[in-house]
C-alpha atoms as a PDB file:
ATOM      1  CA  UNK A   1       3.542 -57.882   5.536  1.00  0.00           C
ATOM      2  CA  UNK A   2       2.189 -60.068   8.347  1.00  0.00           C
ATOM      3  CA  UNK A   3       2.849 -59.107  11.949  1.00  0.00           C
ATOM      4  CA  UNK A   4       5.804 -60.981  13.414  1.00  0.00           C
ATOM      5  CA  UNK A   5       6.076 -61.858  17.068  1.00  0.00           C
ATOM      6  CA  UNK A   6       9.593 -60.729  17.968  1.00  0.00           C
ATOM      7  CA  UNK A   7      11.627 -60.197  21.117  1.00  0.00           C
ATOM      8  CA  UNK A   8      15.137 -58.749  21.022  1.00  0.00           C
ATOM      9  CA  UNK A   9      16.884 -60.788  18.285  1.00  0.00           C
ATOM     10  CA  UNK A  10      14.280 -63.572  18.183  1.00  0.00           C
ATOM     11  CA  UNK A  11      11.315 -64.170  15.875  1.00  0.00           C
ATOM     12  CA  UNK A  12       8.653 -66.608  17.103  1.00  0.00           C
ATOM     13  CA  UNK A  13       6.578 -68.714  14.740  1.00  0.00           C
ATOM     14  CA  UNK A  14       2.872 -68.946  15.481  1.00  0.00           C
ATOM     15  CA  UNK A  15       3.413 -72.535  16.670  1.00  0.00           C
ATOM     16  CA  UNK A  16       6.167 -71.489  19.074  1.00  0.00           C
ATOM     17  CA  UNK A  17       4.087 -68.612  20.476  1.00  0.00           C
ATOM     18  CA  UNK A  18       1.121 -70.943  21.032  1.00  0.00           C
ATOM     19  CA  UNK A  19       3.303 -73.511  22.779  1.00  0.00           C
ATOM     20  CA  UNK A  20       4.852 -70.847  24.983  1.00  0.00           C
ATOM     21  CA  UNK A  21       1.392 -69.765  26.120  1.00  0.00           C
ATOM     22  CA  UNK A  22       0.350 -73.355  26.863  1.00  0.00           C
ATOM     23  CA  UNK A  23       3.570 -74.099  28.704  1.00  0.00           C
ATOM     24  CA  UNK A  24       4.006 -70.873  30.707  1.00  0.00           C
ATOM     25  CA  UNK A  25       7.287 -70.045  28.994  1.00  0.00           C
ATOM     26  CA  UNK A  26       8.290 -66.392  28.758  1.00  0.00           C
ATOM     27  CA  UNK A  27       9.857 -64.762  25.737  1.00  0.00           C
ATOM     28  CA  UNK A  28      12.764 -63.717  27.950  1.00  0.00           C
ATOM     29  CA  UNK A  29      13.460 -67.307  29.036  1.00  0.00           C
ATOM     30  CA  UNK A  30      13.555 -68.397  25.362  1.00  0.00           C
ATOM     31  CA  UNK A  31      15.930 -65.531  24.608  1.00  0.00           C
ATOM     32  CA  UNK A  32      18.110 -66.537  27.563  1.00  0.00           C
ATOM     33  CA  UNK A  33      18.066 -70.210  26.464  1.00  0.00           C
ATOM     34  CA  UNK A  34      19.248 -69.302  22.959  1.00  0.00           C
ATOM     35  CA  UNK A  35      21.693 -66.573  23.987  1.00  0.00           C
ATOM     36  CA  UNK A  36      23.307 -68.397  26.931  1.00  0.00           C
ATOM     37  CA  UNK A  37      22.606 -72.122  26.413  1.00  0.00           C
ATOM     38  CA  UNK A  38      23.994 -74.875  28.630  1.00  0.00           C
ATOM     39  CA  UNK A  39      23.979 -77.198  25.590  1.00  0.00           C
ATOM     40  CA  UNK A  40      23.376 -76.876  21.839  1.00  0.00           C
ATOM     41  CA  UNK A  41      22.449 -79.903  19.718  1.00  0.00           C
ATOM     42  CA  UNK A  42      22.083 -80.019  15.948  1.00  0.00           C
ATOM     43  CA  UNK A  43      18.369 -80.723  15.396  1.00  0.00           C
ATOM     44  CA  UNK A  44      17.962 -80.855  11.614  1.00  0.00           C
ATOM     45  CA  UNK A  45      18.934 -78.974   8.442  1.00  0.00           C
ATOM     46  CA  UNK A  46      19.334 -75.403   9.654  1.00  0.00           C
ATOM     47  CA  UNK A  47      17.936 -75.748  13.170  1.00  0.00           C
ATOM     48  CA  UNK A  48      19.594 -76.303  16.516  1.00  0.00           C
ATOM     49  CA  UNK A  49      18.168 -77.358  19.856  1.00  0.00           C
ATOM     50  CA  UNK A  50      19.163 -75.001  22.674  1.00  0.00           C
ATOM     51  CA  UNK A  51      18.938 -76.268  26.258  1.00  0.00           C
ATOM     52  CA  UNK A  52      19.235 -74.268  29.467  1.00  0.00           C
ATOM     53  CA  UNK A  53      18.148 -74.788  33.064  1.00  0.00           C
ATOM     54  CA  UNK A  54      16.448 -71.675  34.440  1.00  0.00           C
ATOM     55  CA  UNK A  55      15.116 -71.649  38.011  1.00  0.00           C
ATOM     56  CA  UNK A  56      15.120 -75.448  38.122  1.00  0.00           C
ATOM     57  CA  UNK A  57      13.165 -75.797  34.841  1.00  0.00           C
ATOM     58  CA  UNK A  58      15.002 -77.338  31.885  1.00  0.00           C
ATOM     59  CA  UNK A  59      14.067 -75.204  28.864  1.00  0.00           C
ATOM     60  CA  UNK A  60      14.356 -76.418  25.266  1.00  0.00           C
ATOM     61  CA  UNK A  61      14.115 -74.247  22.165  1.00  0.00           C
ATOM     62  CA  UNK A  62      14.434 -75.284  18.529  1.00  0.00           C
ATOM     63  CA  UNK A  63      15.628 -72.368  16.423  1.00  0.00           C
ATOM     64  CA  UNK A  64      17.331 -71.468  13.165  1.00  0.00           C
ATOM     65  CA  UNK A  65      19.684 -68.541  12.762  1.00  0.00           C
ATOM     66  CA  UNK A  66      18.697 -66.171   9.944  1.00  0.00           C
ATOM     67  CA  UNK A  67      21.957 -64.469   8.918  1.00  0.00           C
ATOM     68  CA  UNK A  68      20.282 -61.916   6.628  1.00  0.00           C
ATOM     69  CA  UNK A  69      18.078 -60.623   9.491  1.00  0.00           C
ATOM     70  CA  UNK A  70      20.684 -61.424  12.178  1.00  0.00           C
ATOM     71  CA  UNK A  71      17.906 -63.030  14.220  1.00  0.00           C
ATOM     72  CA  UNK A  72      16.839 -66.457  15.396  1.00  0.00           C
ATOM     73  CA  UNK A  73      13.597 -68.049  14.219  1.00  0.00           C
ATOM     74  CA  UNK A  74      12.134 -70.137  17.062  1.00  0.00           C
ATOM     75  CA  UNK A  75       9.907 -72.948  15.803  1.00  0.00           C
ATOM     76  CA  UNK A  76       9.158 -74.723  19.103  1.00  0.00           C
ATOM     77  CA  UNK A  77       9.894 -74.594  22.802  1.00  0.00           C
ATOM     78  CA  UNK A  78       9.069 -76.693  25.872  1.00  0.00           C
ATOM     79  CA  UNK A  79      10.148 -77.506  29.417  1.00  0.00           C
ATOM     80  CA  UNK A  80      11.341 -81.063  30.041  1.00  0.00           C
ATOM     81  CA  UNK A  81       9.026 -83.063  32.293  1.00  0.00           C
ATOM     82  CA  UNK A  82       6.132 -80.592  32.226  1.00  0.00           C
ATOM     83  CA  UNK A  83       2.822 -81.230  30.486  1.00  0.00           C
ATOM     84  CA  UNK A  84       0.889 -78.588  28.587  1.00  0.00           C
ATOM     85  CA  UNK A  85      -1.815 -76.873  30.599  1.00  0.00           C
ATOM     86  CA  UNK A  86      -5.316 -78.068  29.819  1.00  0.00           C
ATOM     87  CA  UNK A  87      -7.513 -75.197  28.596  1.00  0.00           C
ATOM     88  CA  UNK A  88     -10.199 -74.141  31.075  1.00  0.00           C
ATOM     89  CA  UNK A  89     -12.979 -74.670  28.540  1.00  0.00           C
ATOM     90  CA  UNK A  90     -11.921 -78.293  27.992  1.00  0.00           C
ATOM     91  CA  UNK A  91     -11.791 -78.846  31.765  1.00  0.00           C
ATOM     92  CA  UNK A  92     -15.344 -77.527  32.119  1.00  0.00           C
ATOM     93  CA  UNK A  93     -16.635 -79.609  29.200  1.00  0.00           C
ATOM     94  CA  UNK A  94     -15.110 -82.858  30.489  1.00  0.00           C
ATOM     95  CA  UNK A  95     -15.876 -82.353  34.202  1.00  0.00           C
ATOM     96  CA  UNK A  96     -19.381 -83.926  34.142  1.00  0.00           C
ATOM     97  CA  UNK A  97     -18.016 -87.017  32.400  1.00  0.00           C
ATOM     98  CA  UNK A  98     -15.171 -87.359  34.898  1.00  0.00           C
ATOM     99  CA  UNK A  99     -17.594 -87.061  37.813  1.00  0.00           C
ATOM    100  CA  UNK A 100     -19.958 -89.593  36.234  1.00  0.00           C
ATOM    101  CA  UNK A 101     -17.072 -92.022  35.694  1.00  0.00           C
ATOM    102  CA  UNK A 102     -15.994 -91.677  39.352  1.00  0.00           C
ATOM    103  CA  UNK A 103     -19.560 -92.330  40.491  1.00  0.00           C
ATOM    104  CA  UNK A 104     -19.824 -95.448  38.287  1.00  0.00           C
ATOM    105  CA  UNK A 105     -16.517 -96.821  39.598  1.00  0.00           C
ATOM    106  CA  UNK A 106     -17.594 -96.126  43.185  1.00  0.00           C
ATOM    107  CA  UNK A 107     -20.988 -97.768  42.577  1.00  0.00           C
ATOM    108  CA  UNK A 108     -19.493-100.934  41.090  1.00  0.00           C
ATOM    109  CA  UNK A 109     -16.906-101.215  43.867  1.00  0.00           C
ATOM    110  CA  UNK A 110     -19.710-101.111  46.433  1.00  0.00           C
ATOM    111  CA  UNK A 111     -21.621-103.810  44.559  1.00  0.00           C
ATOM    112  CA  UNK A 112     -18.465-105.963  44.407  1.00  0.00           C
ATOM    113  CA  UNK A 113     -18.028-105.659  48.186  1.00  0.00           C
ATOM    114  CA  UNK A 114     -21.483-107.193  48.858  1.00  0.00           C
END
């Protein structure tokens, strides 16, 4: 049997765990969002969208209740208004191009001023 990422009564899909890492969302905050939501919306078939504001951040979690296991399966989670963090490797790869683009814009602005 494959290893499952679980916390209390919650099982996280691989997608949800990856998104949590990108978005600096803790397993406890997802548990709190599902256990004590401010709002619950029906998302699709067997999933609901749980919403809770924690420390000024509006957390969203999409989860299905699994009655046999008596657990929730979280398929995705995010914080409203926050972008995913850009991986450090991507930042390092794109930095030379960003600097070159800034130099080109600066150069052409100077030429235009003449």
